[in-house]
Structures are given as structure tokens and as C-alpha cells.
Full PDB file with SEQRES, HELIX, SHEET, SSBOND, CRYST1, ORIGX, SCALE, CONECT and MASTER records, all heavy atoms in Angstrom:
SEQRES   1 A   41  ASN ALA MET GLY TRP TYR ARG GLN ALA PRO GLY LYS GLN          
SEQRES   2 A   41  ARG GLU LEU VAL ALA ALA ILE THR ASN GLY GLY SER THR          
SEQRES   3 A   41  ASN TYR ALA ASP SER VAL LYS GLY ARG PHE THR ILE SER          
SEQRES   4 A   41  ARG ASP                                                      
SHEET    1 AA1 3 ALA A   2  ARG A   7  0                                        
SHEET    2 AA1 3 GLU A  15  THR A  21 -1                                        
SHEET    3 AA1 3 THR A  26  TYR A  28 -1                                        
CRYST1    1.000    1.000    1.000  90.00  90.00  90.00 P 1           1          
ORIGX1      1.000000  0.000000  0.000000        0.00000                         
ORIGX2      0.000000  1.000000  0.000000        0.00000                         
ORIGX3      0.000000  0.000000  1.000000        0.00000                         
SCALE1      1.000000  0.000000  0.000000        0.00000                         
SCALE2      0.000000  1.000000  0.000000        0.00000                         
SCALE3      0.000000  0.000000  1.000000        0.00000                         
ATOM      1  N   ASN A   1      -6.350   6.237 -20.607  1.00  0.00           N  
ATOM      2  CA  ASN A   1      -6.315   4.888 -20.037  1.00  0.00           C  
ATOM      3  C   ASN A   1      -5.915   4.895 -18.566  1.00  0.00           C  
ATOM      4  O   ASN A   1      -6.334   4.042 -17.789  1.00  0.00           O  
ATOM      5  CB  ASN A   1      -5.313   4.014 -20.788  1.00  0.00           C  
ATOM      6  CG  ASN A   1      -5.740   3.785 -22.229  1.00  0.00           C  
ATOM      7  OD1 ASN A   1      -6.925   3.704 -22.523  1.00  0.00           O  
ATOM      8  ND2 ASN A   1      -4.780   3.684 -23.124  1.00  0.00           N  
ATOM      9  N   ALA A   2      -5.054   5.828 -18.209  1.00  0.00           N  
ATOM     10  CA  ALA A   2      -4.560   5.899 -16.844  1.00  0.00           C  
ATOM     11  C   ALA A   2      -4.100   7.314 -16.549  1.00  0.00           C  
ATOM     12  O   ALA A   2      -3.743   8.070 -17.467  1.00  0.00           O  
ATOM     13  CB  ALA A   2      -3.391   4.931 -16.635  1.00  0.00           C  
ATOM     14  N   MET A   3      -4.117   7.654 -15.264  1.00  0.00           N  
ATOM     15  CA  MET A   3      -3.618   8.962 -14.836  1.00  0.00           C  
ATOM     16  C   MET A   3      -2.703   8.754 -13.636  1.00  0.00           C  
ATOM     17  O   MET A   3      -2.799   7.741 -12.933  1.00  0.00           O  
ATOM     18  CB  MET A   3      -4.759   9.899 -14.470  1.00  0.00           C  
ATOM     19  CG  MET A   3      -5.656  10.242 -15.652  1.00  0.00           C  
ATOM     20  SD  MET A   3      -6.967  11.406 -15.261  1.00  0.00           S  
ATOM     21  CE  MET A   3      -6.021  12.931 -15.085  1.00  0.00           C  
ATOM     22  N   GLY A   4      -1.842   9.704 -13.425  1.00  0.00           N  
ATOM     23  CA  GLY A   4      -0.918   9.544 -12.314  1.00  0.00           C  
ATOM     24  C   GLY A   4      -0.277  10.840 -11.907  1.00  0.00           C  
ATOM     25  O   GLY A   4      -0.551  11.897 -12.485  1.00  0.00           O  
ATOM     26  N   TRP A   5       0.576  10.720 -10.902  1.00  0.00           N  
ATOM     27  CA  TRP A   5       1.340  11.848 -10.388  1.00  0.00           C  
ATOM     28  C   TRP A   5       2.821  11.487 -10.403  1.00  0.00           C  
ATOM     29  O   TRP A   5       3.202  10.398  -9.961  1.00  0.00           O  
ATOM     30  CB  TRP A   5       0.915  12.196  -8.962  1.00  0.00           C  
ATOM     31  CG  TRP A   5      -0.449  12.781  -8.872  1.00  0.00           C  
ATOM     32  CD1 TRP A   5      -1.622  12.125  -8.648  1.00  0.00           C  
ATOM     33  CD2 TRP A   5      -0.784  14.162  -9.027  1.00  0.00           C  
ATOM     34  NE1 TRP A   5      -2.665  13.007  -8.649  1.00  0.00           N  
ATOM     35  CE2 TRP A   5      -2.183  14.275  -8.868  1.00  0.00           C  
ATOM     36  CE3 TRP A   5      -0.047  15.332  -9.256  1.00  0.00           C  
ATOM     37  CZ2 TRP A   5      -2.859  15.494  -8.949  1.00  0.00           C  
ATOM     38  CZ3 TRP A   5      -0.703  16.545  -9.334  1.00  0.00           C  
ATOM     39  CH2 TRP A   5      -2.095  16.615  -9.186  1.00  0.00           C  
ATOM     40  N   TYR A   6       3.611  12.411 -10.877  1.00  0.00           N  
ATOM     41  CA  TYR A   6       5.062  12.303 -10.841  1.00  0.00           C  
ATOM     42  C   TYR A   6       5.590  13.503 -10.063  1.00  0.00           C  
ATOM     43  O   TYR A   6       4.866  14.477  -9.857  1.00  0.00           O  
ATOM     44  CB  TYR A   6       5.654  12.318 -12.258  1.00  0.00           C  
ATOM     45  CG  TYR A   6       5.457  11.036 -13.030  1.00  0.00           C  
ATOM     46  CD1 TYR A   6       4.197  10.629 -13.450  1.00  0.00           C  
ATOM     47  CD2 TYR A   6       6.545  10.233 -13.352  1.00  0.00           C  
ATOM     48  CE1 TYR A   6       4.031   9.452 -14.158  1.00  0.00           C  
ATOM     49  CE2 TYR A   6       6.387   9.054 -14.077  1.00  0.00           C  
ATOM     50  CZ  TYR A   6       5.128   8.680 -14.464  1.00  0.00           C  
ATOM     51  OH  TYR A   6       4.970   7.510 -15.176  1.00  0.00           O  
ATOM     52  N   ARG A   7       6.838  13.412  -9.644  1.00  0.00           N  
ATOM     53  CA  ARG A   7       7.453  14.560  -8.984  1.00  0.00           C  
ATOM     54  C   ARG A   7       8.913  14.678  -9.395  1.00  0.00           C  
ATOM     55  O   ARG A   7       9.546  13.699  -9.764  1.00  0.00           O  
ATOM     56  CB  ARG A   7       7.346  14.461  -7.468  1.00  0.00           C  
ATOM     57  CG  ARG A   7       8.140  13.329  -6.833  1.00  0.00           C  
ATOM     58  CD  ARG A   7       7.826  13.227  -5.345  1.00  0.00           C  
ATOM     59  NE  ARG A   7       8.578  12.150  -4.696  1.00  0.00           N  
ATOM     60  CZ  ARG A   7       8.379  11.776  -3.433  1.00  0.00           C  
ATOM     61  NH1 ARG A   7       7.458  12.380  -2.687  1.00  0.00           N  
ATOM     62  NH2 ARG A   7       9.101  10.792  -2.914  1.00  0.00           N  
ATOM     63  N   GLN A   8       9.392  15.911  -9.313  1.00  0.00           N  
ATOM     64  CA  GLN A   8      10.789  16.165  -9.647  1.00  0.00           C  
ATOM     65  C   GLN A   8      11.358  17.145  -8.644  1.00  0.00           C  
ATOM     66  O   GLN A   8      10.901  18.291  -8.557  1.00  0.00           O  
ATOM     67  CB  GLN A   8      10.931  16.714 -11.063  1.00  0.00           C  
ATOM     68  CG  GLN A   8      12.365  16.827 -11.525  1.00  0.00           C  
ATOM     69  CD  GLN A   8      12.466  17.041 -13.014  1.00  0.00           C  
ATOM     70  OE1 GLN A   8      11.506  17.437 -13.682  1.00  0.00           O  
ATOM     71  NE2 GLN A   8      13.638  16.767 -13.581  1.00  0.00           N  
ATOM     72  N   ALA A   9      12.336  16.688  -7.898  1.00  0.00           N  
ATOM     73  CA  ALA A   9      13.031  17.534  -6.933  1.00  0.00           C  
ATOM     74  C   ALA A   9      14.245  18.164  -7.619  1.00  0.00           C  
ATOM     75  O   ALA A   9      14.740  17.639  -8.620  1.00  0.00           O  
ATOM     76  CB  ALA A   9      13.476  16.710  -5.731  1.00  0.00           C  
ATOM     77  N   PRO A  10      14.734  19.257  -7.100  1.00  0.00           N  
ATOM     78  CA  PRO A  10      15.900  19.919  -7.717  1.00  0.00           C  
ATOM     79  C   PRO A  10      17.082  18.974  -7.847  1.00  0.00           C  
ATOM     80  O   PRO A  10      17.453  18.291  -6.882  1.00  0.00           O  
ATOM     81  CB  PRO A  10      16.202  21.059  -6.747  1.00  0.00           C  
ATOM     82  CG  PRO A  10      14.898  21.346  -6.092  1.00  0.00           C  
ATOM     83  CD  PRO A  10      14.221  20.015  -5.957  1.00  0.00           C  
ATOM     84  N   GLY A  11      17.642  18.905  -9.043  1.00  0.00           N  
ATOM     85  CA  GLY A  11      18.808  18.072  -9.284  1.00  0.00           C  
ATOM     86  C   GLY A  11      18.522  16.598  -9.424  1.00  0.00           C  
ATOM     87  O   GLY A  11      19.453  15.793  -9.545  1.00  0.00           O  
ATOM     88  N   LYS A  12      17.240  16.222  -9.418  1.00  0.00           N  
ATOM     89  CA  LYS A  12      16.881  14.809  -9.524  1.00  0.00           C  
ATOM     90  C   LYS A  12      15.997  14.571 -10.735  1.00  0.00           C  
ATOM     91  O   LYS A  12      15.396  15.498 -11.263  1.00  0.00           O  
ATOM     92  CB  LYS A  12      16.172  14.347  -8.245  1.00  0.00           C  
ATOM     93  CG  LYS A  12      17.048  14.375  -7.009  1.00  0.00           C  
ATOM     94  CD  LYS A  12      16.342  13.740  -5.835  1.00  0.00           C  
ATOM     95  CE  LYS A  12      17.236  13.698  -4.604  1.00  0.00           C  
ATOM     96  NZ  LYS A  12      16.540  13.045  -3.440  1.00  0.00           N  
ATOM     97  N   GLN A  13      15.902  13.301 -11.127  1.00  0.00           N  
ATOM     98  CA  GLN A  13      15.044  12.941 -12.241  1.00  0.00           C  
ATOM     99  C   GLN A  13      13.594  12.901 -11.808  1.00  0.00           C  
ATOM    100  O   GLN A  13      13.279  12.700 -10.629  1.00  0.00           O  
ATOM    101  CB  GLN A  13      15.460  11.571 -12.793  1.00  0.00           C  
ATOM    102  CG  GLN A  13      16.794  11.571 -13.517  1.00  0.00           C  
ATOM    103  CD  GLN A  13      17.071  10.252 -14.210  1.00  0.00           C  
ATOM    104  OE1 GLN A  13      16.588   9.206 -13.780  1.00  0.00           O  
ATOM    105  NE2 GLN A  13      17.821  10.293 -15.278  1.00  0.00           N  
ATOM    106  N   ARG A  14      12.708  13.102 -12.773  1.00  0.00           N  
ATOM    107  CA  ARG A  14      11.282  12.971 -12.500  1.00  0.00           C  
ATOM    108  C   ARG A  14      10.987  11.511 -12.178  1.00  0.00           C  
ATOM    109  O   ARG A  14      11.469  10.601 -12.857  1.00  0.00           O  
ATOM    110  CB  ARG A  14      10.468  13.436 -13.698  1.00  0.00           C  
ATOM    111  CG  ARG A  14       8.995  13.602 -13.439  1.00  0.00           C  
ATOM    112  CD  ARG A  14       8.291  14.244 -14.614  1.00  0.00           C  
ATOM    113  NE  ARG A  14       8.752  15.600 -14.862  1.00  0.00           N  
ATOM    114  CZ  ARG A  14       8.167  16.430 -15.723  1.00  0.00           C  
ATOM    115  NH1 ARG A  14       7.104  16.029 -16.400  1.00  0.00           N  
ATOM    116  NH2 ARG A  14       8.651  17.635 -15.911  1.00  0.00           N  
ATOM    117  N   GLU A  15      10.168  11.297 -11.145  1.00  0.00           N  
ATOM    118  CA  GLU A  15       9.863   9.937 -10.714  1.00  0.00           C  
ATOM    119  C   GLU A  15       8.367   9.760 -10.512  1.00  0.00           C  
ATOM    120  O   GLU A  15       7.652  10.708 -10.160  1.00  0.00           O  
ATOM    121  CB  GLU A  15      10.593   9.609  -9.404  1.00  0.00           C  
ATOM    122  CG  GLU A  15      10.204  10.472  -8.235  1.00  0.00           C  
ATOM    123  CD  GLU A  15      10.857  10.048  -6.928  1.00  0.00           C  
ATOM    124  OE1 GLU A  15      11.644   9.093  -6.917  1.00  0.00           O  
ATOM    125  OE2 GLU A  15      10.557  10.690  -5.895  1.00  0.00           O  
ATOM    126  N   LEU A  16       7.922   8.520 -10.710  1.00  0.00           N  
ATOM    127  CA  LEU A  16       6.525   8.184 -10.476  1.00  0.00           C  
ATOM    128  C   LEU A  16       6.233   8.216  -8.988  1.00  0.00           C  
ATOM    129  O   LEU A  16       6.995   7.680  -8.182  1.00  0.00           O  
ATOM    130  CB  LEU A  16       6.223   6.793 -11.024  1.00  0.00           C  
ATOM    131  CG  LEU A  16       4.847   6.235 -10.689  1.00  0.00           C  
ATOM    132  CD1 LEU A  16       3.754   7.003 -11.423  1.00  0.00           C  
ATOM    133  CD2 LEU A  16       4.772   4.762 -11.026  1.00  0.00           C  
ATOM    134  N   VAL A  17       5.126   8.843  -8.640  1.00  0.00           N  
ATOM    135  CA  VAL A  17       4.645   8.845  -7.254  1.00  0.00           C  
ATOM    136  C   VAL A  17       3.508   7.838  -7.112  1.00  0.00           C  
ATOM    137  O   VAL A  17       3.531   6.973  -6.252  1.00  0.00           O  
ATOM    138  CB  VAL A  17       4.185  10.241  -6.832  1.00  0.00           C  
ATOM    139  CG1 VAL A  17       3.608  10.214  -5.417  1.00  0.00           C  
ATOM    140  CG2 VAL A  17       5.321  11.249  -6.938  1.00  0.00           C  
ATOM    141  N   ALA A  18       2.496   7.975  -7.965  1.00  0.00           N  
ATOM    142  CA  ALA A  18       1.334   7.095  -7.901  1.00  0.00           C  
ATOM    143  C   ALA A  18       0.601   7.157  -9.229  1.00  0.00           C  
ATOM    144  O   ALA A  18       0.643   8.178  -9.919  1.00  0.00           O  
ATOM    145  CB  ALA A  18       0.403   7.486  -6.760  1.00  0.00           C  
ATOM    146  N   ALA A  19      -0.082   6.065  -9.549  1.00  0.00           N  
ATOM    147  CA  ALA A  19      -0.852   6.014 -10.784  1.00  0.00           C  
ATOM    148  C   ALA A  19      -2.112   5.210 -10.556  1.00  0.00           C  
ATOM    149  O   ALA A  19      -2.162   4.350  -9.653  1.00  0.00           O  
ATOM    150  CB  ALA A  19      -0.023   5.404 -11.913  1.00  0.00           C  
ATOM    151  N   ILE A  20      -3.127   5.483 -11.375  1.00  0.00           N  
ATOM    152  CA  ILE A  20      -4.391   4.768 -11.277  1.00  0.00           C  
ATOM    153  C   ILE A  20      -4.935   4.551 -12.676  1.00  0.00           C  
ATOM    154  O   ILE A  20      -4.917   5.453 -13.517  1.00  0.00           O  
ATOM    155  CB  ILE A  20      -5.395   5.532 -10.378  1.00  0.00           C  
ATOM    156  CG1 ILE A  20      -6.660   4.709 -10.164  1.00  0.00           C  
ATOM    157  CG2 ILE A  20      -5.706   6.922 -10.942  1.00  0.00           C  
ATOM    158  CD1 ILE A  20      -7.540   5.267  -9.049  1.00  0.00           C  
ATOM    159  N   THR A  21      -5.421   3.331 -12.934  1.00  0.00           N  
ATOM    160  CA  THR A  21      -5.970   3.015 -14.249  1.00  0.00           C  
ATOM    161  C   THR A  21      -7.473   3.277 -14.278  1.00  0.00           C  
ATOM    162  O   THR A  21      -8.095   3.533 -13.242  1.00  0.00           O  
ATOM    163  CB  THR A  21      -5.723   1.539 -14.582  1.00  0.00           C  
ATOM    164  OG1 THR A  21      -6.504   0.727 -13.685  1.00  0.00           O  
ATOM    165  CG2 THR A  21      -4.255   1.180 -14.445  1.00  0.00           C  
ATOM    166  N   ASN A  22      -8.045   3.181 -15.457  1.00  0.00           N  
ATOM    167  CA  ASN A  22      -9.496   3.330 -15.584  1.00  0.00           C  
ATOM    168  C   ASN A  22     -10.224   2.289 -14.754  1.00  0.00           C  
ATOM    169  O   ASN A  22     -11.326   2.538 -14.261  1.00  0.00           O  
ATOM    170  CB  ASN A  22      -9.910   3.213 -17.043  1.00  0.00           C  
ATOM    171  CG  ASN A  22      -9.591   4.450 -17.840  1.00  0.00           C  
ATOM    172  OD1 ASN A  22      -9.121   5.448 -17.299  1.00  0.00           O  
ATOM    173  ND2 ASN A  22      -9.826   4.404 -19.136  1.00  0.00           N  
ATOM    174  N   GLY A  23      -9.619   1.137 -14.586  1.00  0.00           N  
ATOM    175  CA  GLY A  23     -10.250   0.085 -13.802  1.00  0.00           C  
ATOM    176  C   GLY A  23     -10.054   0.227 -12.306  1.00  0.00           C  
ATOM    177  O   GLY A  23     -10.597  -0.568 -11.526  1.00  0.00           O  
ATOM    178  N   GLY A  24      -9.301   1.224 -11.896  1.00  0.00           N  
ATOM    179  CA  GLY A  24      -9.102   1.475 -10.485  1.00  0.00           C  
ATOM    180  C   GLY A  24      -7.857   0.859  -9.887  1.00  0.00           C  
ATOM    181  O   GLY A  24      -7.602   1.025  -8.685  1.00  0.00           O  
ATOM    182  N   SER A  25      -7.063   0.180 -10.678  1.00  0.00           N  
ATOM    183  CA  SER A  25      -5.810  -0.374 -10.160  1.00  0.00           C  
ATOM    184  C   SER A  25      -4.832   0.746  -9.863  1.00  0.00           C  
ATOM    185  O   SER A  25      -4.724   1.701 -10.640  1.00  0.00           O  
ATOM    186  CB  SER A  25      -5.196  -1.329 -11.169  1.00  0.00           C  
ATOM    187  OG  SER A  25      -6.038  -2.440 -11.379  1.00  0.00           O  
ATOM    188  N   THR A  26      -4.129   0.634  -8.746  1.00  0.00           N  
ATOM    189  CA  THR A  26      -3.199   1.681  -8.328  1.00  0.00           C  
ATOM    190  C   THR A  26      -1.785   1.145  -8.188  1.00  0.00           C  
ATOM    191  O   THR A  26      -1.568  -0.053  -7.981  1.00  0.00           O  
ATOM    192  CB  THR A  26      -3.631   2.312  -6.993  1.00  0.00           C  
ATOM    193  OG1 THR A  26      -3.707   1.283  -6.000  1.00  0.00           O  
ATOM    194  CG2 THR A  26      -4.978   2.999  -7.122  1.00  0.00           C  
ATOM    195  N   ASN A  27      -0.847   2.055  -8.294  1.00  0.00           N  
ATOM    196  CA  ASN A  27       0.561   1.730  -8.158  1.00  0.00           C  
ATOM    197  C   ASN A  27       1.234   2.895  -7.448  1.00  0.00           C  
ATOM    198  O   ASN A  27       0.964   4.054  -7.778  1.00  0.00           O  
ATOM    199  CB  ASN A  27       1.179   1.530  -9.547  1.00  0.00           C  
ATOM    200  CG  ASN A  27       2.636   1.136  -9.479  1.00  0.00           C  
ATOM    201  OD1 ASN A  27       3.035   0.390  -8.605  1.00  0.00           O  
ATOM    202  ND2 ASN A  27       3.436   1.655 -10.398  1.00  0.00           N  
ATOM    203  N   TYR A  28       2.089   2.595  -6.470  1.00  0.00           N  
ATOM    204  CA  TYR A  28       2.744   3.638  -5.683  1.00  0.00           C  
ATOM    205  C   TYR A  28       4.253   3.427  -5.628  1.00  0.00           C  
ATOM    206  O   TYR A  28       4.732   2.283  -5.614  1.00  0.00           O  
ATOM    207  CB  TYR A  28       2.232   3.637  -4.238  1.00  0.00           C  
ATOM    208  CG  TYR A  28       0.789   4.005  -4.076  1.00  0.00           C  
ATOM    209  CD1 TYR A  28      -0.203   3.033  -4.063  1.00  0.00           C  
ATOM    210  CD2 TYR A  28       0.405   5.342  -3.929  1.00  0.00           C  
ATOM    211  CE1 TYR A  28      -1.529   3.368  -3.917  1.00  0.00           C  
ATOM    212  CE2 TYR A  28      -0.924   5.690  -3.770  1.00  0.00           C  
ATOM    213  CZ  TYR A  28      -1.888   4.694  -3.772  1.00  0.00           C  
ATOM    214  OH  TYR A  28      -3.212   5.044  -3.620  1.00  0.00           O  
ATOM    215  N   ALA A  29       4.974   4.519  -5.542  1.00  0.00           N  
ATOM    216  CA  ALA A  29       6.390   4.432  -5.248  1.00  0.00           C  
ATOM    217  C   ALA A  29       6.558   3.928  -3.815  1.00  0.00           C  
ATOM    218  O   ALA A  29       5.748   4.250  -2.936  1.00  0.00           O  
ATOM    219  CB  ALA A  29       7.046   5.806  -5.393  1.00  0.00           C  
ATOM    220  N   ASP A  30       7.603   3.147  -3.583  1.00  0.00           N  
ATOM    221  CA  ASP A  30       7.821   2.598  -2.246  1.00  0.00           C  
ATOM    222  C   ASP A  30       7.935   3.699  -1.195  1.00  0.00           C  
ATOM    223  O   ASP A  30       7.497   3.539  -0.052  1.00  0.00           O  
ATOM    224  CB  ASP A  30       9.098   1.743  -2.232  1.00  0.00           C  
ATOM    225  CG  ASP A  30       8.926   0.426  -2.957  1.00  0.00           C  
ATOM    226  OD1 ASP A  30       7.766   0.019  -3.194  1.00  0.00           O  
ATOM    227  OD2 ASP A  30       9.946  -0.194  -3.304  1.00  0.00           O  
ATOM    228  N   SER A  31       8.486   4.820  -1.588  1.00  0.00           N  
ATOM    229  CA  SER A  31       8.729   5.910  -0.633  1.00  0.00           C  
ATOM    230  C   SER A  31       7.457   6.579  -0.134  1.00  0.00           C  
ATOM    231  O   SER A  31       7.494   7.300   0.874  1.00  0.00           O  
ATOM    232  CB  SER A  31       9.643   6.960  -1.264  1.00  0.00           C  
ATOM    233  OG  SER A  31       9.038   7.512  -2.426  1.00  0.00           O  
ATOM    234  N   VAL A  32       6.329   6.345  -0.816  1.00  0.00           N  
ATOM    235  CA  VAL A  32       5.086   7.011  -0.406  1.00  0.00           C  
ATOM    236  C   VAL A  32       4.011   6.037   0.039  1.00  0.00           C  
ATOM    237  O   VAL A  32       2.938   6.460   0.483  1.00  0.00           O  
ATOM    238  CB  VAL A  32       4.538   7.920  -1.523  1.00  0.00           C  
ATOM    239  CG1 VAL A  32       5.610   8.907  -1.991  1.00  0.00           C  
ATOM    240  CG2 VAL A  32       3.981   7.122  -2.691  1.00  0.00           C  
ATOM    241  N   LYS A  33       4.266   4.754  -0.089  1.00  0.00           N  
ATOM    242  CA  LYS A  33       3.262   3.758   0.300  1.00  0.00           C  
ATOM    243  C   LYS A  33       2.877   3.938   1.763  1.00  0.00           C  
ATOM    244  O   LYS A  33       3.728   4.098   2.633  1.00  0.00           O  
ATOM    245  CB  LYS A  33       3.805   2.348   0.069  1.00  0.00           C  
ATOM    246  CG  LYS A  33       3.821   1.926  -1.388  1.00  0.00           C  
ATOM    247  CD  LYS A  33       4.361   0.508  -1.551  1.00  0.00           C  
ATOM    248  CE  LYS A  33       4.368   0.093  -3.007  1.00  0.00           C  
ATOM    249  NZ  LYS A  33       4.961  -1.262  -3.204  1.00  0.00           N  
ATOM    250  N   GLY A  34       1.567   3.897   2.014  1.00  0.00           N  
ATOM    251  CA  GLY A  34       1.068   4.075   3.361  1.00  0.00           C  
ATOM    252  C   GLY A  34       0.868   5.523   3.775  1.00  0.00           C  
ATOM    253  O   GLY A  34       0.262   5.799   4.812  1.00  0.00           O  
ATOM    254  N   ARG A  35       1.382   6.459   2.967  1.00  0.00           N  
ATOM    255  CA  ARG A  35       1.237   7.881   3.286  1.00  0.00           C  
ATOM    256  C   ARG A  35       0.414   8.627   2.232  1.00  0.00           C  
ATOM    257  O   ARG A  35      -0.321   9.552   2.567  1.00  0.00           O  
ATOM    258  CB  ARG A  35       2.613   8.545   3.400  1.00  0.00           C  
ATOM    259  CG  ARG A  35       3.515   7.948   4.458  1.00  0.00           C  
ATOM    260  CD  ARG A  35       4.781   8.791   4.641  1.00  0.00           C  
ATOM    261  NE  ARG A  35       5.603   8.832   3.423  1.00  0.00           N  
ATOM    262  CZ  ARG A  35       5.960   9.946   2.810  1.00  0.00           C  
ATOM    263  NH1 ARG A  35       5.557  11.136   3.273  1.00  0.00           N  
ATOM    264  NH2 ARG A  35       6.723   9.900   1.715  1.00  0.00           N  
ATOM    265  N   PHE A  36       0.541   8.243   0.983  1.00  0.00           N  
ATOM    266  CA  PHE A  36      -0.161   8.907  -0.110  1.00  0.00           C  
ATOM    267  C   PHE A  36      -1.253   7.988  -0.652  1.00  0.00           C  
ATOM    268  O   PHE A  36      -1.102   6.764  -0.686  1.00  0.00           O  
ATOM    269  CB  PHE A  36       0.797   9.231  -1.256  1.00  0.00           C  
ATOM    270  CG  PHE A  36       1.816  10.303  -0.961  1.00  0.00           C  
ATOM    271  CD1 PHE A  36       2.037  10.777   0.315  1.00  0.00           C  
ATOM    272  CD2 PHE A  36       2.574  10.831  -1.990  1.00  0.00           C  
ATOM    273  CE1 PHE A  36       2.978  11.754   0.576  1.00  0.00           C  
ATOM    274  CE2 PHE A  36       3.527  11.806  -1.759  1.00  0.00           C  
ATOM    275  CZ  PHE A  36       3.728  12.263  -0.469  1.00  0.00           C  
ATOM    276  N   THR A  37      -2.342   8.617  -1.103  1.00  0.00           N  
ATOM    277  CA  THR A  37      -3.426   7.864  -1.723  1.00  0.00           C  
ATOM    278  C   THR A  37      -3.864   8.563  -2.992  1.00  0.00           C  
ATOM    279  O   THR A  37      -4.190   9.766  -2.966  1.00  0.00           O  
ATOM    280  CB  THR A  37      -4.621   7.733  -0.776  1.00  0.00           C  
ATOM    281  OG1 THR A  37      -4.209   7.100   0.440  1.00  0.00           O  
ATOM    282  CG2 THR A  37      -5.725   6.901  -1.414  1.00  0.00           C  
ATOM    283  N   ILE A  38      -3.896   7.821  -4.091  1.00  0.00           N  
ATOM    284  CA  ILE A  38      -4.397   8.363  -5.351  1.00  0.00           C  
ATOM    285  C   ILE A  38      -5.827   7.902  -5.525  1.00  0.00           C  
ATOM    286  O   ILE A  38      -6.180   6.766  -5.193  1.00  0.00           O  
ATOM    287  CB  ILE A  38      -3.505   7.936  -6.538  1.00  0.00           C  
ATOM    288  CG1 ILE A  38      -3.889   8.693  -7.802  1.00  0.00           C  
ATOM    289  CG2 ILE A  38      -3.530   6.431  -6.744  1.00  0.00           C  
ATOM    290  CD1 ILE A  38      -2.904   8.519  -8.949  1.00  0.00           C  
ATOM    291  N   SER A  39      -6.666   8.784  -6.045  1.00  0.00           N  
ATOM    292  CA  SER A  39      -8.056   8.434  -6.296  1.00  0.00           C  
ATOM    293  C   SER A  39      -8.553   9.184  -7.519  1.00  0.00           C  
ATOM    294  O   SER A  39      -7.942  10.151  -7.972  1.00  0.00           O  
ATOM    295  CB  SER A  39      -8.924   8.747  -5.083  1.00  0.00           C  
ATOM    296  OG  SER A  39      -8.915  10.141  -4.802  1.00  0.00           O  
ATOM    297  N   ARG A  40      -9.671   8.707  -8.024  1.00  0.00           N  
ATOM    298  CA  ARG A  40     -10.227   9.281  -9.244  1.00  0.00           C  
ATOM    299  C   ARG A  40     -11.735   9.257  -9.083  1.00  0.00           C  
ATOM    300  O   ARG A  40     -12.334   8.174  -9.123  1.00  0.00           O  
ATOM    301  CB  ARG A  40      -9.750   8.448 -10.437  1.00  0.00           C  
ATOM    302  CG  ARG A  40      -9.910   9.076 -11.772  1.00  0.00           C  
ATOM    303  CD  ARG A  40      -9.176   8.222 -12.802  1.00  0.00           C  
ATOM    304  NE  ARG A  40      -9.502   8.590 -14.151  1.00  0.00           N  
ATOM    305  CZ  ARG A  40      -9.052   7.945 -15.230  1.00  0.00           C  
ATOM    306  NH1 ARG A  40      -8.261   6.908 -15.101  1.00  0.00           N  
ATOM    307  NH2 ARG A  40      -9.404   8.351 -16.426  1.00  0.00           N  
ATOM    308  N   ASP A  41     -12.352  10.424  -8.873  1.00  0.00           N  
ATOM    309  CA  ASP A  41     -13.773  10.413  -8.540  1.00  0.00           C  
ATOM    310  C   ASP A  41     -14.666  10.448  -9.771  1.00  0.00           C  
ATOM    311  O   ASP A  41     -15.809  10.076  -9.712  1.00  0.00           O  
ATOM    312  CB  ASP A  41     -14.119  11.574  -7.606  1.00  0.00           C  
ATOM    313  CG  ASP A  41     -13.920  12.928  -8.262  1.00  0.00           C  
ATOM    314  OD1 ASP A  41     -13.312  12.989  -9.336  1.00  0.00           O  
ATOM    315  OD2 ASP A  41     -14.375  13.921  -7.677  1.00  0.00           O  
TER     316      ASP A  41                                                      
MASTER        0    0    0    0    3    0    0    6  315    1    0    4          
END                                                                             
């Protein structure tokens, strides 16, 4: 239904970076907005 990217830095919890649904809707962490782009070809 959807795919995404998470990240985990040493000593920190895994966090959502970006996600995209089958319909193309996207969601980004505030820390990466404007710098990262998720896509699904």
C-alpha cells in the first residue's frame, strides 16, 4: 500500500524520513523537507 524510508542514528530511535503511497501522496519529516525527495517510478 505504501513504501518509505526510515533512519536510525547511533543511540537514537528509528524515525520516519519520507513515505509515499500507491496514489503518490508523500509525507516527510520536518528535518528533511525541502532537501529530500521520495519517488516511486
